[in-house]
């Protein structure tokens, strides 16, 4: 203060000095949704214009990811008009980026609604480097929590109001927003995965929450939700009714928990278990149950495109086991399945082990003639492929097409008769059964 004593400072002198200390003073006319920067220094010169749209200013300051200037996805843009209304003094730390790739600037913002006027004063000041480092350390401490809980807010169904809204990817602080619960619900549904939107609307319905939640009860459900980077992730939506001691109070806490990594790992495990339940453990193709279901579906759901069936049997397979042992027999079955599967790589077809040395193939978009040609190619490839521990093998194949009003028994019976004909004619051949 130099040589001046505190009692010598007038209000005019303090205001003058204050104007030299802060980086930004903005006046906002809420009625016209316009602003003008009375003072604008340093990084703020590049961040926003001297005057312009208040909604654009709020978007620049408040509605972006914590450490980038990247804007929110379209589904979240509907919330923008609700983030610029202030009914009381408001303070918040901001992380602002003027150039992508550089460290975020830590800014203290204060909002002062002007009494009896539809206007605000916004005052901002960039913190110094030491405070920046302290903020960075604090951010790192809460980073793990932010990755887990993405969003939280308070709900009052009687007042149809929300409060204490926190979006961790935007700020560790609560976001100031005047937002009715019914409006929030109708907007947020647009960032819920399409398949989960009906469930969200059911579980978030005020009547459902009042009916299903006694005081203190918490319930949750999992769904896909778009995050602030525009990516759909798995989240857990949690509703908890607050115990207030008044049964006529319907106050809740709502939270969104990020469970994407856990859910993805669980789905992979379930898929592996599902594949194991549907796969022949020795050969890796469909097992009997799965291929039988596939054949039945092909018969029942036949459309305009032709579908054909084939069954193949390894010739004299018993002699492989007798002459070389069951271990060699298992290797032969695995090798045979690989050879046939390779022949089907460019085809739309499903293959499964029917039992023992018999395999069934469903050929889509192939009539009887096309399926017979494919069967002949498989037969020839098997005949000319060396088998480890054995002298080589051949196979017999029966082929039929699926008719308009076929039953599973009819189609399978024709295919089986064609295989019997191939084996009766000397094996190592393809036979068809006309439709």
Protein backbone atom coordinates (compact mmCIF):
# COMPACT_ATOMS: atom_id res chain seq x y z
CA UNK A 1 0.00 0.00 0.00
CA UNK A 2 3.04 2.20 -0.09
CA UNK A 3 2.87 5.14 2.30
CA UNK A 4 -0.94 5.19 2.41
CA UNK A 5 -2.76 3.97 5.48
CA UNK A 6 -5.99 1.90 5.25
CA UNK A 7 -8.13 4.81 6.42
CA UNK A 8 -6.84 6.90 3.50
CA UNK A 9 -8.31 4.56 0.88
CA UNK A 10 -11.58 5.76 -0.60
CA UNK A 11 -14.04 3.43 -2.34
CA UNK A 12 -13.04 5.07 -5.65
CA UNK A 13 -9.35 4.35 -4.98
CA UNK A 14 -10.05 0.71 -4.05
CA UNK A 15 -12.20 0.15 -7.17
CA UNK A 16 -9.50 1.75 -9.32
CA UNK A 17 -6.81 -0.52 -7.89
CA UNK A 18 -9.09 -3.55 -8.06
CA UNK A 19 -9.61 -2.91 -11.78
CA UNK A 20 -5.83 -3.11 -12.26
CA UNK A 21 -5.52 -6.37 -10.30
CA UNK A 22 -8.15 -8.59 -11.91
CA UNK A 23 -7.90 -9.98 -15.47
CA UNK A 24 -11.56 -9.80 -16.48
CA UNK A 25 -14.67 -7.83 -15.58
CA UNK A 26 -17.73 -8.63 -17.71
CA UNK A 27 -21.20 -7.11 -17.63
CA UNK A 28 -24.01 -9.39 -18.75
CA UNK A 29 -27.47 -8.26 -19.86
CA UNK A 30 -29.55 -11.39 -19.26
CA UNK A 31 -32.61 -9.92 -20.97
CA UNK A 32 -30.82 -9.64 -24.33
CA UNK A 33 -28.41 -12.54 -23.69
CA UNK A 34 -25.45 -10.25 -24.51
CA UNK A 35 -22.22 -9.45 -22.65
CA UNK A 36 -19.48 -6.81 -22.79
CA UNK A 37 -15.99 -7.13 -21.31
CA UNK A 38 -15.13 -3.93 -19.45
CA UNK A 39 -11.68 -5.36 -18.67
CA UNK A 40 -10.04 -8.22 -20.62
CA UNK A 41 -6.33 -9.02 -20.27
CA UNK A 42 -3.80 -11.78 -20.89
CA UNK A 43 -5.05 -15.18 -22.05
CA UNK A 44 -8.64 -13.94 -22.04
CA UNK A 45 -8.00 -11.75 -25.10
CA UNK A 46 -7.60 -14.95 -27.13
CA UNK A 47 -10.35 -16.82 -25.32
CA UNK A 48 -13.38 -14.66 -26.15
CA UNK A 49 -14.33 -11.41 -27.92
CA UNK A 50 -14.84 -8.08 -26.19
CA UNK A 51 -18.60 -8.44 -26.61
CA UNK A 52 -21.01 -11.02 -27.96
CA UNK A 53 -23.53 -13.75 -27.16
CA UNK A 54 -23.80 -14.65 -23.48
CA UNK A 55 -24.64 -18.28 -24.33
CA UNK A 56 -21.42 -18.50 -26.39
CA UNK A 57 -19.47 -17.04 -23.46
CA UNK A 58 -20.96 -19.55 -21.00
CA UNK A 59 -20.19 -22.37 -23.43
CA UNK A 60 -16.56 -21.21 -23.67
CA UNK A 61 -16.13 -20.86 -19.90
CA UNK A 62 -18.21 -23.66 -18.43
CA UNK A 63 -19.35 -26.26 -20.95
CA UNK A 64 -16.29 -28.14 -22.10
CA UNK A 65 -14.13 -31.01 -20.93
CA UNK A 66 -12.00 -30.25 -17.90
CA UNK A 67 -8.59 -29.99 -19.54
CA UNK A 68 -9.43 -29.21 -23.18
CA UNK A 69 -11.48 -26.69 -25.10
CA UNK A 70 -13.34 -29.51 -26.85
CA UNK A 71 -17.07 -28.83 -27.04
CA UNK A 72 -19.71 -31.22 -25.77
CA UNK A 73 -21.53 -33.64 -28.11
CA UNK A 74 -24.76 -32.47 -29.69
CA UNK A 75 -26.92 -34.44 -27.24
CA UNK A 76 -25.59 -32.36 -24.34
CA UNK A 77 -25.96 -29.01 -26.11
CA UNK A 78 -29.63 -28.88 -25.06
CA UNK A 79 -28.49 -28.17 -21.50
CA UNK A 80 -26.57 -24.99 -22.39
CA UNK A 81 -29.38 -22.46 -21.74
CA UNK A 82 -29.73 -23.83 -18.19
CA UNK A 83 -26.12 -23.19 -17.18
CA UNK A 84 -26.05 -19.40 -17.37
CA UNK A 85 -28.72 -18.41 -14.85
CA UNK A 86 -27.55 -17.21 -11.44
CA UNK A 87 -29.86 -16.23 -8.58
CA UNK A 88 -27.12 -15.68 -6.02
CA UNK A 89 -23.39 -15.14 -5.78
CA UNK A 90 -21.43 -17.97 -7.35
CA UNK A 91 -17.75 -18.93 -7.23
CA UNK A 92 -15.93 -21.56 -9.22
CA UNK A 93 -12.46 -22.62 -10.37
CA UNK A 94 -12.21 -23.16 -14.13
CA UNK A 95 -9.72 -25.07 -16.27
CA UNK A 96 -9.41 -23.20 -19.56
CA UNK A 97 -7.30 -24.00 -22.63
CA UNK A 98 -6.50 -21.37 -25.26
CA UNK A 99 -4.37 -23.64 -27.48
CA UNK A 100 -4.80 -27.42 -27.78
CA UNK A 101 -1.88 -29.32 -26.32
CA UNK A 102 -0.87 -26.69 -23.77
CA UNK A 103 -1.50 -26.93 -20.05
CA UNK A 104 -4.85 -25.72 -18.80
CA UNK A 105 -4.99 -22.27 -17.16
CA UNK A 106 -6.55 -22.29 -13.69
CA UNK A 107 -8.99 -19.40 -13.33
CA UNK A 108 -11.05 -18.17 -10.39
CA UNK A 109 -14.48 -16.90 -11.47
CA UNK A 110 -16.96 -14.96 -9.35
CA UNK A 111 -20.52 -14.12 -10.45
CA UNK A 112 -22.50 -11.29 -8.84
CA UNK A 113 -26.18 -10.90 -9.78
CA UNK A 114 -27.00 -7.18 -9.73
CA UNK A 115 -29.86 -6.35 -7.40
CA UNK A 116 -33.14 -5.33 -9.09
CA UNK A 117 -31.55 -5.76 -12.51
CA UNK A 118 -31.53 -8.67 -14.94
CA UNK A 119 -27.76 -8.45 -15.15
CA UNK A 120 -24.57 -10.01 -13.76
CA UNK A 121 -20.99 -9.04 -13.10
CA UNK A 122 -18.46 -11.75 -13.96
CA UNK A 123 -15.00 -11.29 -12.48
CA UNK A 124 -12.15 -13.62 -13.41
CA UNK A 125 -8.53 -13.89 -12.47
CA UNK A 126 -5.88 -16.38 -13.60
CA UNK A 127 -4.06 -17.96 -10.68
CA UNK A 128 -0.26 -17.87 -10.54
CA UNK A 129 1.97 -20.86 -11.34
CA UNK A 130 2.21 -22.06 -7.72
CA UNK A 131 -1.56 -22.14 -7.42
CA UNK A 132 -1.70 -23.86 -10.82
CA UNK A 133 0.54 -26.65 -9.50
CA UNK A 134 -1.58 -26.98 -6.36
CA UNK A 135 -4.67 -27.26 -8.53
CA UNK A 136 -2.97 -29.88 -10.71
CA UNK A 137 -2.09 -31.95 -7.66
CA UNK A 138 -5.67 -31.68 -6.40
CA UNK A 139 -6.94 -32.72 -9.81
CA UNK A 140 -4.72 -35.80 -9.81
CA UNK A 141 -6.05 -36.76 -6.38
CA UNK A 142 -9.66 -36.76 -7.57
CA UNK A 143 -8.96 -38.22 -11.01
CA UNK A 144 -9.73 -41.79 -9.90
CA UNK A 145 -13.06 -40.69 -8.43
CA UNK A 146 -13.89 -38.74 -11.58
CA UNK A 147 -13.35 -41.83 -13.70
CA UNK A 148 -15.82 -43.70 -11.50
CA UNK A 149 -18.59 -41.15 -10.85
CA UNK A 150 -19.31 -39.03 -13.90
CA UNK A 151 -22.38 -37.15 -12.74
CA UNK A 152 -24.45 -36.51 -9.63
CA UNK A 153 -27.31 -34.25 -8.60
CA UNK A 154 -30.01 -33.66 -6.01
CA UNK A 155 -33.69 -34.14 -7.02
CA UNK A 156 -36.81 -32.72 -5.36
CA UNK A 157 -39.88 -34.25 -7.02
CA UNK A 158 -42.35 -32.10 -5.05
CA UNK A 159 -40.71 -28.93 -6.36
CA UNK A 160 -39.77 -30.55 -9.69
CA UNK A 161 -36.26 -29.20 -9.11
CA UNK A 162 -32.62 -30.26 -9.37
CA UNK A 163 -29.63 -28.97 -7.45
CA UNK A 164 -25.99 -29.57 -6.51
CA UNK A 165 -25.39 -30.73 -10.06
CA UNK A 166 -21.85 -32.05 -10.53
CA UNK A 167 -20.37 -33.17 -13.85
CA UNK A 168 -16.88 -34.39 -13.00
CA UNK A 169 -15.60 -34.22 -16.59
CA UNK A 170 -16.41 -30.49 -16.64
CA UNK A 171 -15.42 -29.49 -13.11
CA UNK A 172 -14.85 -30.83 -9.62
CA UNK A 173 -17.20 -28.07 -8.43
CA UNK A 174 -20.98 -28.10 -8.64
CA UNK A 175 -22.34 -26.56 -11.82
CA UNK A 176 -24.80 -23.71 -11.40
CA UNK A 177 -27.94 -24.59 -13.36
CA UNK A 178 -31.61 -23.70 -13.00
CA UNK A 179 -33.16 -26.91 -14.29
CA UNK A 180 -36.46 -28.65 -13.63
CA UNK A 181 -36.24 -32.40 -13.09
CA UNK A 182 -38.85 -33.08 -15.78
CA UNK A 183 -36.88 -30.95 -18.27
CA UNK A 184 -33.59 -32.65 -17.35
CA UNK A 185 -35.14 -36.10 -17.77
CA UNK A 186 -36.53 -35.32 -21.23
CA UNK A 187 -33.19 -33.93 -22.38
CA UNK A 188 -30.81 -36.50 -20.89
CA UNK A 189 -32.71 -39.40 -22.47
CA UNK A 190 -31.21 -38.31 -25.80
CA UNK A 191 -27.73 -39.38 -24.67
CA UNK A 192 -28.92 -42.76 -23.37
CA UNK A 193 -28.36 -45.69 -25.75
CA UNK A 194 -31.36 -46.25 -28.05
CA UNK A 195 -32.06 -49.73 -26.66
CA UNK A 196 -32.06 -48.41 -23.08
CA UNK A 197 -34.12 -45.23 -23.49
CA UNK A 198 -37.48 -46.86 -22.68
CA UNK A 199 -36.04 -48.40 -19.50
CA UNK A 200 -34.54 -45.05 -18.47
CA UNK A 201 -37.86 -43.24 -18.94
CA UNK A 202 -39.65 -45.92 -16.90
CA UNK A 203 -37.17 -45.95 -14.00
CA UNK A 204 -36.76 -42.16 -13.85
CA UNK A 205 -40.50 -41.41 -14.00
CA UNK A 206 -41.54 -39.37 -10.92
CA UNK A 207 -44.52 -41.65 -10.23
CA UNK A 208 -42.24 -44.71 -10.40
CA UNK A 209 -39.73 -43.14 -8.00
CA UNK A 210 -42.46 -42.19 -5.53
CA UNK A 211 -44.11 -45.61 -5.66
CA UNK A 212 -41.03 -47.85 -5.65
CA UNK A 213 -38.68 -46.01 -3.26
CA UNK A 214 -39.21 -45.97 0.46
CA UNK A 215 -37.02 -43.49 2.41
CA UNK A 216 -33.40 -44.66 2.40
CA UNK A 217 -33.85 -47.09 -0.48
CA UNK A 218 -31.26 -47.19 -3.28
CA UNK A 219 -31.67 -48.88 -6.65
CA UNK A 220 -29.68 -48.95 -9.87
CA UNK A 221 -29.61 -50.29 -13.40
CA UNK A 222 -26.97 -50.51 -16.11
CA UNK A 223 -27.20 -49.00 -19.58
CA UNK A 224 -25.21 -47.42 -22.39
CA UNK A 225 -24.78 -43.65 -22.16
CA UNK A 226 -22.87 -41.13 -24.24
CA UNK A 227 -20.03 -39.51 -22.33
CA UNK A 228 -18.84 -35.94 -22.87
CA UNK A 229 -16.40 -37.14 -25.56
CA UNK A 230 -19.32 -38.47 -27.62
CA UNK A 231 -18.52 -42.15 -26.92
CA UNK A 232 -21.13 -44.58 -25.64
CA UNK A 233 -19.94 -46.32 -22.47
CA UNK A 234 -21.53 -48.64 -19.93
CA UNK A 235 -22.72 -46.80 -16.82
CA UNK A 236 -24.68 -47.59 -13.68
CA UNK A 237 -27.54 -45.17 -13.02
CA UNK A 238 -28.20 -44.91 -9.28
CA UNK A 239 -31.27 -43.41 -7.57
CA UNK A 240 -31.37 -43.10 -3.77
CA UNK A 241 -34.25 -41.60 -1.78
CA UNK A 242 -33.12 -39.33 1.05
CA UNK A 243 -34.46 -39.96 4.55
CA UNK A 244 -35.87 -36.62 5.75
CA UNK A 245 -38.28 -37.86 8.43
CA UNK A 246 -41.23 -36.55 6.40
CA UNK A 247 -42.96 -39.24 4.28
CA UNK A 248 -44.34 -36.51 2.00
CA UNK A 249 -40.83 -35.43 1.02
CA UNK A 250 -39.66 -37.00 -2.20
CA UNK A 251 -36.02 -36.04 -2.34
CA UNK A 252 -33.40 -38.16 -4.10
CA UNK A 253 -29.75 -38.32 -5.02
CA UNK A 254 -28.98 -39.40 -8.59
CA UNK A 255 -25.52 -40.59 -9.69
CA UNK A 256 -23.93 -41.95 -12.86
CA UNK A 257 -21.10 -44.42 -12.26
CA UNK A 258 -18.64 -45.38 -14.98
CA UNK A 259 -18.57 -49.20 -15.13
CA UNK A 260 -17.36 -49.50 -18.73
CA UNK A 261 -14.15 -51.41 -18.05
CA UNK A 262 -15.82 -53.85 -15.65
CA UNK A 263 -18.84 -54.35 -17.94
CA UNK A 264 -16.66 -54.91 -21.01
CA UNK A 265 -14.57 -57.48 -19.14
CA UNK A 266 -17.74 -59.20 -17.92
CA UNK A 267 -19.23 -59.35 -21.43
CA UNK A 268 -16.00 -60.84 -22.78
CA UNK A 269 -16.10 -63.49 -20.06
CA UNK A 270 -19.74 -64.24 -20.79
CA UNK A 271 -18.98 -64.54 -24.49
CA UNK A 272 -16.16 -66.97 -23.77
CA UNK A 273 -18.46 -69.06 -21.58
CA UNK A 274 -21.19 -68.88 -24.20
CA UNK A 275 -18.77 -69.96 -26.92
CA UNK A 276 -17.61 -72.84 -24.74
CA UNK A 277 -21.22 -73.95 -24.24
CA UNK A 278 -21.87 -73.90 -28.00
CA UNK A 279 -18.53 -75.19 -29.29
CA UNK A 280 -17.20 -78.72 -29.68
CA UNK A 281 -14.25 -78.82 -27.29
CA UNK A 282 -12.13 -81.07 -29.54
CA UNK A 283 -12.53 -79.54 -32.99
CA UNK A 284 -13.56 -75.95 -32.24
CA UNK A 285 -16.61 -76.00 -34.56
CA UNK A 286 -20.23 -75.81 -33.35
CA UNK A 287 -21.28 -78.66 -31.09
CA UNK A 288 -24.27 -80.94 -31.72
CA UNK A 289 -26.78 -78.75 -29.93
CA UNK A 290 -25.71 -75.54 -31.70
CA UNK A 291 -25.57 -76.99 -35.22
CA UNK A 292 -28.93 -78.73 -34.74
CA UNK A 293 -30.47 -75.39 -33.71
CA UNK A 294 -28.82 -73.74 -36.73
CA UNK A 295 -30.29 -76.33 -39.11
CA UNK A 296 -33.75 -75.95 -37.56
CA UNK A 297 -33.55 -72.15 -37.84
CA UNK A 298 -32.47 -72.44 -41.50
CA UNK A 299 -35.44 -74.71 -42.24
CA UNK A 300 -37.95 -72.60 -40.31
CA UNK A 301 -36.76 -69.18 -41.50
CA UNK A 302 -36.02 -69.95 -45.13
CA UNK A 303 -36.58 -66.82 -47.23
CA UNK A 304 -36.16 -66.08 -50.89
CA UNK A 305 -32.49 -67.08 -51.00
CA UNK A 306 -31.67 -70.79 -51.40
CA UNK A 307 -30.22 -72.73 -48.46
CA UNK A 308 -28.63 -76.18 -48.67
CA UNK A 309 -27.43 -78.77 -46.17
CA UNK A 310 -24.60 -81.27 -46.25
CA UNK A 311 -23.47 -84.00 -43.92
CA UNK A 312 -19.99 -85.53 -44.17
CA UNK A 313 -18.48 -88.65 -42.65
CA UNK A 314 -14.80 -89.57 -42.44
CA UNK A 315 -14.36 -92.87 -44.27
CA UNK A 316 -13.18 -95.85 -42.24
CA UNK A 317 -12.49 -93.69 -39.23
CA UNK A 318 -12.66 -96.71 -36.90
CA UNK A 319 -9.54 -98.08 -38.54
CA UNK A 320 -7.67 -94.85 -37.71
CA UNK A 321 -8.34 -95.44 -34.01
CA UNK A 322 -7.59 -99.15 -34.31
CA UNK A 323 -4.33 -98.74 -36.27
CA UNK A 324 -2.90 -95.55 -34.79
CA UNK A 325 -4.64 -95.11 -31.43
CA UNK A 326 -7.29 -92.71 -30.13
CA UNK A 327 -4.81 -89.83 -29.74
CA UNK A 328 -4.15 -90.02 -33.48
CA UNK A 329 -7.89 -90.23 -34.04
CA UNK A 330 -8.43 -87.00 -32.10
CA UNK A 331 -5.69 -85.26 -34.09
CA UNK A 332 -7.33 -86.48 -37.31
CA UNK A 333 -10.71 -85.06 -36.28
CA UNK A 334 -9.13 -81.68 -35.43
CA UNK A 335 -7.17 -81.63 -38.67
CA UNK A 336 -10.25 -82.59 -40.69
CA UNK A 337 -12.29 -79.79 -39.05
CA UNK A 338 -9.55 -77.23 -39.85
CA UNK A 339 -9.34 -78.33 -43.49
CA UNK A 340 -13.12 -78.11 -43.98
CA UNK A 341 -13.34 -74.78 -42.13
CA UNK A 342 -10.62 -73.35 -44.40
CA UNK A 343 -12.68 -74.43 -47.43
CA UNK A 344 -15.60 -72.41 -46.02
CA UNK A 345 -13.67 -69.17 -45.38
CA UNK A 346 -15.10 -67.40 -48.41
CA UNK A 347 -18.53 -68.98 -48.01
CA UNK A 348 -21.56 -67.98 -45.95
CA UNK A 349 -21.85 -71.23 -44.02
CA UNK A 350 -21.96 -72.76 -40.53
CA UNK A 351 -20.27 -76.02 -39.60
CA UNK A 352 -20.76 -78.26 -36.57
CA UNK A 353 -19.81 -81.69 -35.32
CA UNK A 354 -22.87 -83.92 -35.36
CA UNK A 355 -21.20 -86.72 -33.43
CA UNK A 356 -18.20 -89.03 -33.74
CA UNK A 357 -16.73 -88.47 -37.20
CA UNK A 358 -19.84 -86.85 -38.71
CA UNK A 359 -20.04 -83.11 -39.47
CA UNK A 360 -22.97 -80.99 -40.75
CA UNK A 361 -22.77 -77.79 -42.80
CA UNK A 362 -25.50 -75.21 -43.48
CA UNK A 363 -24.80 -73.41 -46.77
CA UNK A 364 -26.58 -70.08 -47.21
CA UNK A 365 -27.31 -68.52 -50.61
CA UNK A 366 -26.47 -71.82 -52.37
CA UNK A 367 -28.86 -74.03 -54.30
CA UNK A 368 -28.37 -77.79 -54.58
CA UNK A 369 -26.00 -77.50 -57.53
CA UNK A 370 -23.82 -74.86 -55.87
CA UNK A 371 -23.69 -76.81 -52.62
CA UNK A 372 -22.72 -79.98 -54.51
CA UNK A 373 -19.82 -78.11 -56.17
CA UNK A 374 -18.65 -76.88 -52.76
CA UNK A 375 -18.94 -80.41 -51.33
CA UNK A 376 -16.80 -81.77 -54.16
CA UNK A 377 -14.15 -79.14 -53.47
CA UNK A 378 -14.14 -80.11 -49.77
CA UNK A 379 -13.93 -83.83 -50.63
CA UNK A 380 -11.01 -83.27 -53.00
CA UNK A 381 -9.14 -81.05 -50.52
CA UNK A 382 -9.52 -83.62 -47.72
CA UNK A 383 -8.31 -86.42 -50.01
CA UNK A 384 -5.18 -84.48 -50.95
CA UNK A 385 -4.28 -83.29 -47.46
CA UNK A 386 -1.71 -85.24 -45.45
CA UNK A 387 -2.80 -86.16 -41.94
CA UNK A 388 -0.19 -86.41 -39.18
CA UNK A 389 0.23 -89.91 -37.67
CA UNK A 390 -2.00 -91.47 -40.38
CA UNK A 391 -1.79 -92.30 -44.08
CA UNK A 392 -4.41 -89.73 -44.98
CA UNK A 393 -8.19 -89.89 -45.03
CA UNK A 394 -11.16 -89.44 -47.33
CA UNK A 395 -14.76 -88.46 -46.66
CA UNK A 396 -18.23 -89.11 -48.03
CA UNK A 397 -20.72 -86.25 -48.31
CA UNK A 398 -24.50 -86.11 -48.72
CA UNK A 399 -26.15 -82.90 -49.96
CA UNK A 400 -29.74 -81.66 -50.16
CA UNK A 401 -31.54 -78.34 -50.47
CA UNK A 402 -34.22 -76.93 -48.19
CA UNK A 403 -37.74 -76.82 -49.64
CA UNK A 404 -40.41 -74.18 -49.08
CA UNK A 405 -42.52 -76.19 -46.61
CA UNK A 406 -39.77 -78.45 -45.28
CA UNK A 407 -39.61 -79.76 -41.75
CA UNK A 408 -36.35 -80.42 -39.98
CA UNK A 409 -37.00 -84.16 -40.12
CA UNK A 410 -37.70 -84.09 -43.89
CA UNK A 411 -34.62 -82.04 -44.77
CA UNK A 412 -32.32 -84.00 -42.49
CA UNK A 413 -33.73 -87.31 -43.76
CA UNK A 414 -32.92 -86.42 -47.39
CA UNK A 415 -29.40 -85.32 -46.45
CA UNK A 416 -28.83 -88.54 -44.49
CA UNK A 417 -30.08 -90.67 -47.40
CA UNK A 418 -27.65 -88.87 -49.74
CA UNK A 419 -24.76 -89.68 -47.35
CA UNK A 420 -25.85 -93.33 -47.22
CA UNK A 421 -25.86 -93.37 -51.03
CA UNK A 422 -22.32 -91.96 -51.14
CA UNK A 423 -21.03 -94.58 -48.72
CA UNK A 424 -22.89 -97.38 -50.51
CA UNK A 425 -21.38 -96.32 -53.84
CA UNK A 426 -17.84 -96.83 -52.55
CA UNK A 427 -17.17 -93.84 -50.28
CA UNK A 428 -14.94 -90.81 -51.02
CA UNK A 429 -17.67 -89.24 -53.12
CA UNK A 430 -20.49 -86.69 -53.08
CA UNK A 431 -24.14 -87.64 -53.57
CA UNK A 432 -27.17 -85.31 -53.72
CA UNK A 433 -30.79 -85.88 -52.90
CA UNK A 434 -33.06 -83.96 -55.28
CA UNK A 435 -35.65 -81.70 -53.75
